[in-house]
N, C-alpha and C. Protein backbone atom coordinates (compact mmCIF):
# COMPACT_ATOMS: atom_id res chain seq x y z
N MET A 1 1.12 -1.27 -0.18
CA MET A 1 0.22 -0.12 0.27
C MET A 1 0.69 1.11 0.25
N ILE A 2 0.42 2.21 -1.10
CA ILE A 2 1.52 3.51 -0.94
C ILE A 2 0.33 4.44 -0.99
N LEU A 3 0.73 5.31 0.17
CA LEU A 3 -0.11 6.49 0.25
C LEU A 3 0.38 7.88 -0.19
N TYR A 4 -0.20 8.60 -1.29
CA TYR A 4 0.17 9.87 -1.74
C TYR A 4 -0.28 11.02 -1.33
N TYR A 5 0.34 11.61 -0.59
CA TYR A 5 -0.45 13.05 0.59
C TYR A 5 0.45 14.11 0.35
N HIS A 6 -0.03 14.88 1.46
CA HIS A 6 0.76 15.83 1.96
C HIS A 6 0.16 16.15 3.27
N PRO A 7 1.11 16.47 3.86
CA PRO A 7 0.95 16.64 5.80
C PRO A 7 0.14 17.46 6.14
N LEU A 8 -0.58 18.80 5.32
CA LEU A 8 -1.09 19.70 5.79
C LEU A 8 -2.59 19.52 5.03
N SER A 9 -2.68 18.21 4.50
CA SER A 9 -4.40 18.27 3.96
C SER A 9 -5.04 17.44 4.78
N SER A 10 -6.33 18.16 4.70
CA SER A 10 -7.20 17.70 5.68
C SER A 10 -7.91 16.54 5.58
N TYR A 11 -8.01 16.20 4.10
CA TYR A 11 -8.21 14.59 3.18
C TYR A 11 -7.19 13.48 3.73
N CYS A 12 -6.14 13.84 3.72
CA CYS A 12 -4.94 13.15 3.84
C CYS A 12 -4.92 12.77 5.34
N TRP A 13 -5.17 13.83 5.95
CA TRP A 13 -5.15 13.51 7.78
C TRP A 13 -6.34 12.47 7.97
N LYS A 14 -7.26 12.67 7.27
CA LYS A 14 -8.45 11.32 7.54
C LYS A 14 -8.17 10.31 7.31
N VAL A 15 -7.67 10.02 6.20
CA VAL A 15 -7.10 8.51 5.51
C VAL A 15 -5.65 8.31 6.69
N LEU A 16 -4.92 8.94 7.14
CA LEU A 16 -3.90 8.92 7.88
C LEU A 16 -4.27 8.10 8.72
N ILE A 17 -5.28 8.94 9.68
CA ILE A 17 -6.11 8.49 11.06
C ILE A 17 -6.35 7.03 11.09
N ALA A 18 -7.32 6.66 9.96
CA ALA A 18 -7.82 5.33 9.85
C ALA A 18 -6.33 4.28 9.45
N LEU A 19 -5.60 4.75 8.70
CA LEU A 19 -4.43 4.00 8.57
C LEU A 19 -3.82 3.59 10.01
N TYR A 20 -3.62 4.48 10.85
CA TYR A 20 -3.17 4.49 12.11
C TYR A 20 -3.54 3.84 13.09
N GLU A 21 -5.34 3.86 13.07
CA GLU A 21 -6.17 2.85 13.54
C GLU A 21 -5.78 1.73 13.44
N SER A 22 -5.88 1.37 12.06
CA SER A 22 -5.95 -0.36 11.62
C SER A 22 -4.70 -1.02 11.98
N GLY A 23 -3.43 -0.08 12.16
CA GLY A 23 -2.08 -0.70 12.12
C GLY A 23 -1.56 -1.62 11.08
N VAL A 24 -2.15 -1.13 9.79
CA VAL A 24 -1.66 -1.69 8.73
C VAL A 24 -0.51 -1.04 8.10
N PRO A 25 0.57 -1.64 8.09
CA PRO A 25 1.86 -1.32 7.06
C PRO A 25 1.48 -0.36 5.99
N PHE A 26 1.96 0.78 5.61
CA PHE A 26 1.97 1.28 4.44
C PHE A 26 3.37 2.33 3.79
N GLU A 27 3.36 2.28 2.62
CA GLU A 27 4.37 3.55 2.42
C GLU A 27 3.77 4.81 2.11
N ARG A 28 4.59 5.86 2.57
CA ARG A 28 4.17 7.04 2.20
C ARG A 28 4.83 7.78 1.06
N ARG A 29 4.31 8.40 0.48
CA ARG A 29 4.96 9.46 -0.74
C ARG A 29 4.47 10.84 -0.80
N MET A 30 5.39 11.33 -0.11
CA MET A 30 4.76 12.93 -0.20
C MET A 30 5.05 13.79 -1.23
N LEU A 31 3.91 14.90 -1.35
CA LEU A 31 4.11 15.22 -2.83
C LEU A 31 5.21 16.01 -3.06
N GLU A 32 5.69 16.72 -2.34
CA GLU A 32 6.95 17.51 -2.12
C GLU A 32 8.27 16.74 -2.46
N GLU A 33 8.18 15.39 -2.28
CA GLU A 33 9.50 14.86 -2.95
C GLU A 33 9.89 14.44 -4.02
N GLU A 34 10.69 14.60 -4.71
CA GLU A 34 11.20 14.40 -6.05
C GLU A 34 10.77 13.37 -6.38
N GLY A 35 10.00 13.86 -7.91
CA GLY A 35 9.63 12.59 -8.57
C GLY A 35 8.20 11.80 -8.35
N VAL A 36 7.72 12.40 -7.04
CA VAL A 36 6.18 11.95 -6.42
C VAL A 36 5.11 12.31 -7.04
N THR A 37 4.85 13.76 -7.63
CA THR A 37 4.35 14.40 -8.42
C THR A 37 3.68 13.78 -9.73
N GLN A 38 5.00 13.26 -10.20
CA GLN A 38 4.72 12.43 -11.66
C GLN A 38 4.20 11.23 -11.25
N GLN A 39 4.64 10.53 -10.28
CA GLN A 39 3.86 9.42 -9.95
C GLN A 39 2.78 9.09 -9.72
N TRP A 40 2.24 10.38 -8.76
CA TRP A 40 0.58 10.64 -8.57
C TRP A 40 -0.21 11.28 -9.54
N LEU A 41 0.36 11.98 -10.65
CA LEU A 41 -0.53 12.39 -11.72
C LEU A 41 -0.75 11.45 -12.61
N ALA A 42 0.54 10.32 -12.79
CA ALA A 42 0.16 9.20 -13.41
C ALA A 42 -0.96 8.20 -13.27
N LEU A 43 -0.73 7.94 -11.80
CA LEU A 43 -1.80 7.52 -10.99
C LEU A 43 -3.28 7.81 -10.89
N TRP A 44 -3.32 9.56 -11.09
CA TRP A 44 -4.49 9.96 -10.74
C TRP A 44 -4.50 11.54 -11.73
N PRO A 45 -4.82 11.47 -12.80
CA PRO A 45 -4.58 12.92 -13.53
C PRO A 45 -5.68 13.97 -13.12
N ILE A 46 -6.63 13.58 -12.36
CA ILE A 46 -7.82 14.22 -11.80
C ILE A 46 -6.69 15.53 -11.07
N ALA A 47 -5.58 14.88 -10.44
CA ALA A 47 -4.72 15.78 -9.22
C ALA A 47 -5.20 16.34 -8.26
N LYS A 48 -6.17 15.22 -7.53
CA LYS A 48 -6.59 15.36 -6.20
C LYS A 48 -5.55 14.23 -5.33
N PHE A 49 -5.64 14.59 -3.93
CA PHE A 49 -5.14 13.62 -2.94
C PHE A 49 -5.94 13.72 -2.07
N PRO A 50 -5.86 12.82 -1.06
CA PRO A 50 -4.86 11.35 -1.21
C PRO A 50 -5.39 10.64 -2.25
N ILE A 51 -4.47 9.85 -2.42
CA ILE A 51 -4.68 8.36 -3.42
C ILE A 51 -3.88 7.42 -2.75
N LEU A 52 -4.61 6.16 -2.63
CA LEU A 52 -3.59 5.06 -2.09
C LEU A 52 -3.70 4.10 -3.48
N HIS A 53 -2.30 3.55 -3.58
CA HIS A 53 -2.03 2.62 -4.76
C HIS A 53 -1.79 1.31 -4.07
N ASP A 54 -2.79 0.27 -4.55
CA ASP A 54 -2.45 -1.32 -3.95
C ASP A 54 -1.78 -1.95 -4.64
N ARG A 55 -0.31 -1.87 -4.70
CA ARG A 55 0.27 -2.53 -5.69
C ARG A 55 -0.11 -4.12 -6.02
N ALA A 56 -0.45 -4.75 -4.62
CA ALA A 56 -0.83 -6.46 -4.76
C ALA A 56 -1.89 -6.56 -5.56
N ARG A 57 -2.97 -5.40 -5.68
CA ARG A 57 -4.48 -5.64 -6.19
C ARG A 57 -4.00 -5.06 -7.75
N ALA A 58 -3.03 -4.14 -8.13
CA ALA A 58 -2.94 -3.50 -8.90
C ALA A 58 -4.26 -2.25 -9.16
N ALA A 59 -4.59 -1.63 -7.70
CA ALA A 59 -5.77 -1.05 -7.67
C ALA A 59 -4.98 0.64 -7.22
N THR A 60 -5.90 1.34 -7.60
CA THR A 60 -5.70 3.00 -7.28
C THR A 60 -6.72 3.37 -6.78
N VAL A 61 -6.79 3.44 -5.68
CA VAL A 61 -7.93 4.18 -4.98
C VAL A 61 -8.38 5.55 -4.31
N ALA A 62 -9.32 6.45 -5.00
CA ALA A 62 -9.26 7.89 -4.69
C ALA A 62 -10.44 8.10 -3.77
N GLU A 63 -10.55 9.47 -3.19
CA GLU A 63 -11.45 9.88 -2.25
C GLU A 63 -11.42 8.92 -1.16
N ALA A 64 -11.05 10.08 -0.38
CA ALA A 64 -10.75 10.09 1.35
C ALA A 64 -11.68 8.66 2.07
N SER A 65 -13.10 8.86 1.76
CA SER A 65 -13.99 7.84 2.47
C SER A 65 -13.96 6.46 1.81
N ILE A 66 -13.81 6.82 0.73
CA ILE A 66 -13.63 5.19 -0.27
C ILE A 66 -12.45 4.61 0.06
N ILE A 67 -11.50 5.22 0.21
CA ILE A 67 -10.03 4.77 0.61
C ILE A 67 -10.28 4.03 2.04
N ILE A 68 -11.14 4.93 2.90
CA ILE A 68 -11.07 4.24 3.98
C ILE A 68 -11.87 2.80 4.04
N GLU A 69 -12.89 2.88 3.41
CA GLU A 69 -13.97 1.51 2.99
C GLU A 69 -13.22 0.70 2.56
N TYR A 70 -12.20 1.16 1.52
CA TYR A 70 -11.67 0.01 0.63
C TYR A 70 -10.65 -0.47 1.67
N MET A 71 -9.66 -0.13 2.62
CA MET A 71 -8.89 -0.56 3.50
C MET A 71 -9.59 -1.43 4.00
N ALA A 72 -10.89 -1.32 4.71
CA ALA A 72 -11.65 -2.04 5.58
C ALA A 72 -11.86 -3.15 4.94
N GLN A 73 -12.14 -3.30 3.62
CA GLN A 73 -12.52 -4.66 3.14
C GLN A 73 -11.23 -5.52 2.92
N HIS A 74 -9.97 -4.66 2.38
CA HIS A 74 -9.19 -5.37 1.88
C HIS A 74 -8.00 -5.63 3.15
N GLU A 75 -7.70 -4.81 3.94
CA GLU A 75 -6.58 -4.67 5.01
C GLU A 75 -7.18 -4.44 6.09
N PRO A 76 -8.12 -4.58 6.96
CA PRO A 76 -9.02 -4.27 7.84
C PRO A 76 -8.03 -3.99 8.88
N GLY A 77 -6.96 -4.86 9.11
CA GLY A 77 -6.41 -4.50 10.83
C GLY A 77 -7.37 -4.85 12.04
N THR A 78 -7.12 -3.76 13.10
CA THR A 78 -8.10 -4.08 13.68
C THR A 78 -9.38 -2.54 13.78
N PHE A 79 -9.19 -2.18 12.94
CA PHE A 79 -10.19 -0.98 12.62
C PHE A 79 -11.68 -1.25 12.11
N ARG A 80 -12.65 -1.28 12.51
CA ARG A 80 -13.98 -1.14 11.86
C ARG A 80 -14.62 0.09 11.54
N PRO A 81 -14.20 0.89 10.52
CA PRO A 81 -14.95 2.18 10.58
C PRO A 81 -16.38 2.44 10.27
N ILE A 82 -16.69 1.20 9.45
CA ILE A 82 -18.17 1.20 9.36
C ILE A 82 -18.91 0.12 10.12
N PRO A 83 -19.85 0.29 10.91
CA PRO A 83 -20.61 -0.70 11.99
C PRO A 83 -21.21 -1.82 11.14
N ALA A 84 -21.36 -3.00 11.46
CA ALA A 84 -22.03 -3.86 10.78
C ALA A 84 -23.40 -3.80 10.60
N ASP A 85 -24.41 -3.17 11.61
CA ASP A 85 -25.64 -2.98 11.73
C ASP A 85 -25.81 -1.98 10.66
N PRO A 86 -26.84 -2.59 9.86
CA PRO A 86 -27.08 -1.57 8.72
C PRO A 86 -27.59 0.16 9.01
N ASP A 87 -28.34 0.25 10.20
CA ASP A 87 -28.94 1.46 10.84
C ASP A 87 -27.82 2.22 10.93
N ALA A 88 -26.89 1.56 12.02
CA ALA A 88 -25.80 2.12 12.73
C ALA A 88 -24.63 2.63 11.55
N ALA A 89 -24.59 1.97 10.35
CA ALA A 89 -23.83 1.89 9.00
C ALA A 89 -24.25 3.75 8.49
N LEU A 90 -25.55 3.44 8.17
CA LEU A 90 -26.22 4.66 7.76
C LEU A 90 -25.69 5.97 8.50
N GLU A 91 -25.77 5.86 9.90
CA GLU A 91 -25.63 7.05 10.50
C GLU A 91 -24.09 7.33 10.34
N ALA A 92 -23.42 6.35 10.55
CA ALA A 92 -21.74 6.66 10.34
C ALA A 92 -21.48 7.38 8.90
N ARG A 93 -22.32 6.94 7.85
CA ARG A 93 -21.82 7.38 6.60
C ARG A 93 -22.52 9.14 6.39
N LEU A 94 -23.59 9.32 6.87
CA LEU A 94 -24.11 10.58 7.19
C LEU A 94 -23.33 11.53 7.95
N MET A 95 -22.70 11.14 9.17
CA MET A 95 -21.89 12.01 9.67
C MET A 95 -20.57 12.35 9.12
N ASP A 96 -20.43 11.36 8.36
CA ASP A 96 -18.99 11.59 7.68
C ASP A 96 -19.37 12.60 6.31
N ARG A 97 -20.62 12.40 6.25
CA ARG A 97 -20.87 13.48 4.78
C ARG A 97 -21.12 14.98 5.39
N LEU A 98 -21.70 15.17 6.73
CA LEU A 98 -21.78 16.22 7.34
C LEU A 98 -20.64 16.69 7.80
N PHE A 99 -19.45 16.23 8.05
CA PHE A 99 -18.47 16.86 8.35
C PHE A 99 -17.42 17.13 7.02
N ASP A 100 -17.75 16.66 6.29
CA ASP A 100 -17.00 16.59 4.93
C ASP A 100 -17.79 17.52 3.99
N ASN A 101 -18.88 17.62 3.63
CA ASN A 101 -19.54 19.03 2.96
C ASN A 101 -20.03 20.07 3.66
N TYR A 102 -19.95 20.08 5.10
CA TYR A 102 -20.63 21.23 5.74
C TYR A 102 -19.82 21.79 6.84
N VAL A 103 -18.47 21.29 7.15
CA VAL A 103 -17.38 21.45 7.99
C VAL A 103 -16.16 21.86 6.90
N MET A 104 -15.86 20.68 6.43
CA MET A 104 -14.59 20.46 5.76
C MET A 104 -15.05 21.61 4.38
N THR A 105 -15.87 21.65 3.87
CA THR A 105 -15.81 22.66 2.54
C THR A 105 -15.69 23.97 2.64
N PRO A 106 -16.62 24.49 3.63
CA PRO A 106 -16.33 25.73 4.08
C PRO A 106 -14.97 26.13 4.77
N MET A 107 -14.48 25.47 5.23
CA MET A 107 -13.39 25.62 5.64
C MET A 107 -12.37 26.06 4.73
N GLN A 108 -12.28 24.84 3.92
CA GLN A 108 -11.36 24.83 2.75
C GLN A 108 -11.66 26.27 1.91
N ALA A 109 -12.89 26.91 1.62
CA ALA A 109 -13.13 27.42 0.90
C ALA A 109 -12.56 29.11 1.76
N LEU A 110 -12.43 29.23 3.07
CA LEU A 110 -12.31 30.28 4.01
C LEU A 110 -10.60 30.19 3.65
N VAL A 111 -9.89 28.93 3.66
CA VAL A 111 -8.42 29.02 3.60
C VAL A 111 -8.23 29.45 2.29
N GLY A 112 -8.83 28.97 1.06
CA GLY A 112 -8.49 29.26 -0.16
C GLY A 112 -8.67 30.95 -0.66
N ASP A 113 -9.62 31.57 -0.07
CA ASP A 113 -9.67 32.98 -0.07
C ASP A 113 -8.61 33.44 0.63
N ARG A 114 -8.16 33.03 1.97
CA ARG A 114 -7.13 33.66 2.36
C ARG A 114 -5.97 33.85 1.72
N LEU A 115 -5.65 32.69 0.56
CA LEU A 115 -4.28 32.61 -0.22
C LEU A 115 -4.75 33.32 -1.29
N ARG A 116 -5.45 33.94 -1.68
CA ARG A 116 -5.51 34.61 -2.89
C ARG A 116 -4.98 36.09 -2.74
N PRO A 117 -4.57 36.84 -4.07
CA PRO A 117 -3.98 37.91 -3.60
C PRO A 117 -4.94 39.04 -3.05
N GLU A 118 -4.87 39.82 -2.67
CA GLU A 118 -5.71 40.80 -1.78
C GLU A 118 -6.93 41.50 -3.03
N GLY A 119 -6.68 41.62 -4.23
CA GLY A 119 -7.77 42.29 -4.84
C GLY A 119 -8.80 41.27 -5.76
N GLU A 120 -8.13 39.99 -5.32
CA GLU A 120 -8.99 38.89 -6.17
C GLU A 120 -9.74 37.81 -4.92
N ARG A 121 -9.75 38.60 -3.71
CA ARG A 121 -10.64 38.03 -2.79
C ARG A 121 -12.31 37.88 -2.90
N ASP A 122 -12.95 37.12 -1.89
CA ASP A 122 -14.42 37.07 -2.43
C ASP A 122 -15.30 37.22 -1.05
N PRO A 123 -15.34 38.36 -0.79
CA PRO A 123 -16.51 38.68 0.69
C PRO A 123 -17.45 38.05 0.52
N HIS A 124 -18.02 37.83 -0.46
CA HIS A 124 -19.19 36.98 -0.41
C HIS A 124 -19.33 35.78 -0.10
N GLY A 125 -18.19 35.29 -0.97
CA GLY A 125 -18.00 34.08 -0.84
C GLY A 125 -17.55 33.43 0.83
N VAL A 126 -16.81 34.46 1.24
CA VAL A 126 -16.43 34.25 2.84
C VAL A 126 -17.79 34.49 3.66
N ALA A 127 -18.88 35.36 3.40
CA ALA A 127 -19.81 35.05 4.25
C ALA A 127 -20.63 34.11 4.12
N GLN A 128 -20.69 33.43 3.13
CA GLN A 128 -21.65 32.35 2.82
C GLN A 128 -20.81 31.15 3.51
N ALA A 129 -19.60 30.96 3.55
CA ALA A 129 -18.65 29.68 3.98
C ALA A 129 -18.91 29.92 5.54
N ARG A 130 -18.87 31.36 6.19
CA ARG A 130 -18.91 31.63 7.52
C ARG A 130 -20.09 31.07 7.99
N ALA A 131 -21.03 31.31 7.51
CA ALA A 131 -22.74 30.96 7.63
C ALA A 131 -23.02 29.27 7.88
N LEU A 132 -22.49 29.08 6.65
CA LEU A 132 -22.43 27.20 6.53
C LEU A 132 -21.66 26.53 7.71
N LEU A 133 -20.56 27.45 8.28
CA LEU A 133 -19.77 26.61 9.53
C LEU A 133 -20.79 26.99 10.87
N ALA A 134 -21.30 28.10 10.80
CA ALA A 134 -22.01 28.36 11.82
C ALA A 134 -23.21 27.32 11.77
N LYS A 135 -24.06 26.67 10.81
CA LYS A 135 -25.33 26.26 10.70
C LYS A 135 -24.63 24.90 11.17
N ALA A 136 -23.47 24.58 10.55
CA ALA A 136 -23.09 22.92 10.84
C ALA A 136 -22.55 22.80 12.23
N TYR A 137 -21.91 23.84 12.75
CA TYR A 137 -21.59 23.58 14.16
C TYR A 137 -23.00 23.08 15.06
N ALA A 138 -24.03 24.02 14.86
CA ALA A 138 -25.08 23.93 15.85
C ALA A 138 -25.64 22.69 15.47
N LEU A 139 -25.98 22.02 14.34
CA LEU A 139 -26.51 20.80 14.18
C LEU A 139 -25.78 19.45 14.34
N ILE A 140 -24.54 19.75 14.23
CA ILE A 140 -23.53 18.63 14.76
C ILE A 140 -23.49 18.54 16.10
N GLY A 141 -23.24 19.49 16.92
CA GLY A 141 -23.45 19.75 18.34
C GLY A 141 -24.54 19.05 18.64
N SER A 142 -25.92 19.28 18.21
CA SER A 142 -26.79 18.89 18.44
C SER A 142 -27.26 17.23 18.63
N ARG A 143 -26.59 17.08 17.51
CA ARG A 143 -26.53 15.49 16.93
C ARG A 143 -25.76 14.66 17.86
N ILE A 144 -24.64 14.98 18.13
CA ILE A 144 -23.65 14.07 19.02
C ILE A 144 -23.92 14.07 20.23
N ALA A 145 -24.80 15.15 20.70
CA ALA A 145 -24.71 15.09 21.87
C ALA A 145 -25.19 14.13 22.94
N GLY A 146 -24.52 13.62 24.00
CA GLY A 146 -24.77 12.29 24.49
C GLY A 146 -23.99 11.15 23.91
N ARG A 147 -23.31 11.24 22.88
CA ARG A 147 -22.14 10.84 22.30
C ARG A 147 -20.86 10.65 22.68
N THR A 148 -20.11 9.49 22.86
CA THR A 148 -18.80 9.63 22.85
C THR A 148 -17.98 9.94 21.61
N TRP A 149 -18.49 9.36 20.70
CA TRP A 149 -17.55 9.56 19.20
C TRP A 149 -18.94 9.95 17.85
N ALA A 150 -18.60 10.54 16.98
CA ALA A 150 -19.42 10.98 16.24
C ALA A 150 -20.91 10.57 16.10
N ALA A 151 -20.62 9.01 15.63
CA ALA A 151 -21.54 8.23 15.27
C ALA A 151 -22.01 7.09 16.28
N GLY A 152 -21.93 7.43 17.54
CA GLY A 152 -22.21 6.11 18.71
C GLY A 152 -20.94 6.35 19.95
N GLU A 153 -20.66 5.04 20.29
CA GLU A 153 -19.72 4.93 21.22
C GLU A 153 -18.65 4.20 20.68
N THR A 154 -18.40 3.87 19.46
CA THR A 154 -17.19 3.42 19.11
C THR A 154 -16.51 4.00 17.50
N PHE A 155 -15.51 4.48 17.99
CA PHE A 155 -14.35 5.56 16.65
C PHE A 155 -14.67 4.86 15.48
N GLY A 156 -14.97 5.68 14.55
CA GLY A 156 -15.42 5.18 13.26
C GLY A 156 -14.82 6.27 11.88
N LEU A 157 -15.57 5.91 10.93
CA LEU A 157 -15.38 6.85 9.65
C LEU A 157 -15.54 8.30 9.83
N ALA A 158 -16.73 8.57 11.15
CA ALA A 158 -17.34 9.95 10.83
C ALA A 158 -16.08 10.73 11.94
N ASP A 159 -15.60 9.79 12.69
CA ASP A 159 -14.49 10.60 13.38
C ASP A 159 -13.21 11.02 12.71
N CYS A 160 -12.99 9.88 11.54
CA CYS A 160 -11.80 10.37 10.95
C CYS A 160 -11.88 11.77 10.02
N ALA A 161 -13.24 11.67 9.83
CA ALA A 161 -13.58 12.96 9.09
C ALA A 161 -13.59 14.34 10.08
N ALA A 162 -14.18 14.15 11.10
CA ALA A 162 -14.22 15.07 12.07
C ALA A 162 -12.89 15.72 12.41
N ALA A 163 -12.23 14.82 12.84
CA ALA A 163 -11.02 15.17 13.84
C ALA A 163 -9.93 16.51 12.75
N PRO A 164 -9.94 16.11 11.29
CA PRO A 164 -9.13 17.55 10.78
C PRO A 164 -10.24 18.52 10.18
N ALA A 165 -11.38 18.60 10.11
CA ALA A 165 -12.64 19.15 9.82
C ALA A 165 -12.80 20.00 10.88
N LEU A 166 -12.78 19.76 12.14
CA LEU A 166 -13.01 20.58 13.32
C LEU A 166 -11.81 21.18 13.87
N PHE A 167 -10.57 20.82 13.75
CA PHE A 167 -9.42 20.99 14.05
C PHE A 167 -9.13 22.22 13.08
N TYR A 168 -9.17 22.44 11.92
CA TYR A 168 -8.95 23.20 11.03
C TYR A 168 -9.82 24.24 11.25
N ALA A 169 -11.39 24.00 11.15
CA ALA A 169 -12.63 24.82 11.16
C ALA A 169 -12.27 25.81 12.38
N ASP A 170 -11.97 25.32 13.71
CA ASP A 170 -11.74 25.96 14.76
C ASP A 170 -10.88 27.36 14.87
N LYS A 171 -9.67 26.90 13.92
CA LYS A 171 -8.66 27.97 13.99
C LYS A 171 -9.14 29.28 12.98
N ILE A 172 -9.93 28.72 12.31
CA ILE A 172 -10.50 30.26 11.56
C ILE A 172 -11.85 30.77 11.91
N VAL A 173 -12.91 29.71 12.31
CA VAL A 173 -14.05 30.32 13.06
C VAL A 173 -14.15 29.63 14.66
N PRO A 174 -13.59 30.15 15.53
CA PRO A 174 -13.66 29.24 16.69
C PRO A 174 -15.20 28.95 16.98
N MET A 175 -14.90 27.75 17.54
CA MET A 175 -16.26 27.13 18.28
C MET A 175 -16.61 26.89 19.39
N ARG A 176 -15.13 26.82 20.25
CA ARG A 176 -15.21 26.09 21.57
C ARG A 176 -16.15 27.01 22.88
N ARG A 177 -16.17 28.36 22.43
CA ARG A 177 -17.04 29.03 23.79
C ARG A 177 -18.32 28.80 23.35
N ASP A 178 -19.08 29.00 22.26
CA ASP A 178 -20.47 28.72 21.70
C ASP A 178 -20.67 27.48 21.75
N HIS A 179 -19.85 26.55 21.46
CA HIS A 179 -20.47 24.83 21.16
C HIS A 179 -19.62 24.16 22.34
N PRO A 180 -20.12 24.14 23.61
CA PRO A 180 -19.38 23.18 24.14
C PRO A 180 -19.21 21.57 23.89
N VAL A 181 -20.44 21.08 23.40
CA VAL A 181 -20.63 19.83 23.16
C VAL A 181 -19.71 19.25 21.90
N LEU A 182 -19.33 20.40 21.13
CA LEU A 182 -18.22 20.23 20.14
C LEU A 182 -16.75 20.46 20.53
N ALA A 183 -16.80 21.17 21.45
CA ALA A 183 -15.22 21.18 21.91
C ALA A 183 -15.10 20.12 22.92
N ALA A 184 -16.03 19.90 23.60
CA ALA A 184 -15.23 18.78 24.48
C ALA A 184 -15.16 17.46 23.24
N TYR A 185 -16.23 17.33 22.23
CA TYR A 185 -15.77 16.29 21.06
C TYR A 185 -14.54 16.52 20.84
N LEU A 186 -14.19 17.56 20.26
CA LEU A 186 -12.57 17.94 19.71
C LEU A 186 -11.52 17.43 20.64
N ASP A 187 -11.76 18.11 21.84
CA ASP A 187 -10.56 17.43 22.82
C ASP A 187 -10.58 16.08 23.05
N ARG A 188 -11.67 15.46 22.94
CA ARG A 188 -11.47 13.64 22.87
C ARG A 188 -10.68 13.46 21.42
N LEU A 189 -11.14 14.05 20.58
CA LEU A 189 -10.55 13.36 18.94
C LEU A 189 -8.82 13.78 19.27
N GLU A 190 -8.33 14.94 19.80
CA GLU A 190 -7.02 15.20 19.91
C GLU A 190 -6.35 14.44 20.82
N SER A 191 -6.82 13.79 21.69
CA SER A 191 -6.56 13.21 22.73
C SER A 191 -6.03 11.69 22.29
N ARG A 192 -6.93 11.10 21.15
CA ARG A 192 -6.90 9.87 20.45
C ARG A 192 -5.44 9.53 20.03
N PRO A 193 -4.47 8.75 20.50
CA PRO A 193 -3.42 8.41 19.71
C PRO A 193 -3.03 8.83 18.01
N SER A 194 -4.23 8.16 17.30
CA SER A 194 -3.89 8.30 15.91
C SER A 194 -4.22 9.41 15.27
N VAL A 195 -5.15 10.47 16.02
CA VAL A 195 -5.30 11.85 15.66
C VAL A 195 -3.94 12.62 16.37
N ALA A 196 -3.60 12.35 17.60
CA ALA A 196 -2.41 13.01 17.95
C ALA A 196 -1.21 12.98 17.20
N ARG A 197 -0.87 11.55 16.78
CA ARG A 197 0.23 11.26 15.63
C ARG A 197 0.37 12.21 14.21
N VAL A 198 -0.92 12.37 13.56
CA VAL A 198 -1.32 13.11 12.71
C VAL A 198 -0.96 14.89 13.21
N LEU A 199 -1.09 15.48 14.29
CA LEU A 199 -1.07 16.75 14.51
C LEU A 199 0.44 16.90 14.61
N GLU A 200 0.76 15.79 15.59
CA GLU A 200 2.26 16.25 15.35
C GLU A 200 3.36 16.02 14.52
N GLU A 201 3.01 14.83 13.18
CA GLU A 201 3.40 15.12 12.31
C GLU A 201 3.35 16.64 11.35
N LYS A 202 2.41 17.26 11.42
CA LYS A 202 2.06 18.39 10.81
C LYS A 202 3.10 19.42 10.95
N GLN A 203 3.62 19.15 12.16
CA GLN A 203 4.72 20.82 12.95
C GLN A 203 5.50 21.18 12.02
N PRO A 204 6.25 20.46 11.23
CA PRO A 204 7.22 20.76 10.30
C PRO A 204 6.84 21.83 9.38
N TRP A 205 5.50 21.63 8.99
CA TRP A 205 4.74 22.15 7.58
C TRP A 205 3.94 23.25 8.15
N TRP A 206 3.31 23.43 9.32
CA TRP A 206 2.37 23.95 9.87
C TRP A 206 2.43 25.72 9.89
N ARG A 207 3.71 26.10 9.54
CA ARG A 207 3.91 27.44 9.11
C ARG A 207 3.14 28.01 7.91
N ASN A 208 3.06 27.09 7.03
CA ASN A 208 2.61 27.43 5.71
C ASN A 208 0.93 27.66 5.68
N PHE A 209 0.55 27.16 6.77
CA PHE A 209 -1.21 27.16 7.12
C PHE A 209 -1.71 28.86 7.20
N PRO A 210 -2.35 29.45 6.41
CA PRO A 210 -2.61 30.69 6.62
C PRO A 210 -2.96 31.06 7.82
N TYR A 211 -3.37 30.35 8.60
CA TYR A 211 -4.51 30.60 9.78
C TYR A 211 -3.41 30.08 10.96
N ALA A 212 -1.88 29.70 11.02
CA ALA A 212 -1.32 28.93 11.68
C ALA A 212 -1.28 29.82 13.07
N ASP A 213 -1.57 31.14 13.02
CA ASP A 213 -1.60 31.98 14.46
C ASP A 213 -2.71 31.55 15.18
N GLY A 214 -3.69 30.97 14.61
CA GLY A 214 -5.46 30.98 14.81
C GLY A 214 -5.23 30.16 16.14
């Protein structure tokens, strides 16, 4: 298994957390290393990461949630990201989508706007992204109240999505004061060894994040 990734990418964190939870060995190819970008583009010309290349099965797997489910089917290790119960599985997948679509997406829009030249920024788009984040914080906070993890009492797919989404979003649109349930959940996530490892590994590159002082 080879993972093509970048250590600041939120979606790469999502897959790394699942890999660390599973304990399955894998090789990593960071996109800043010489020759890696060419390998990555040859495997996935759409030019998005992470990408998992399974040499044993001659398979190239894209999209973070799909990579995690692929690993669960073929190299599960000790991690079961999707519950066996069908209704519980639907809740896990729903929470995964909530974090990706309504926390990760507006967070990335805000980061992208910050990286634009001053005269090319989009105040209307920024306002929309902030409004969506506010709605997501309230919705998700109410949904996970009383749960240990995002979809229940077992750490799974949705938590792999939640950790990078909430960590980054909180740096941009802080939520701890007004959303204590989310704040406590993020504390639990950051204390999880797999998440703590990802957060530690980002440190050499963290200065490149435009909200790194947040």
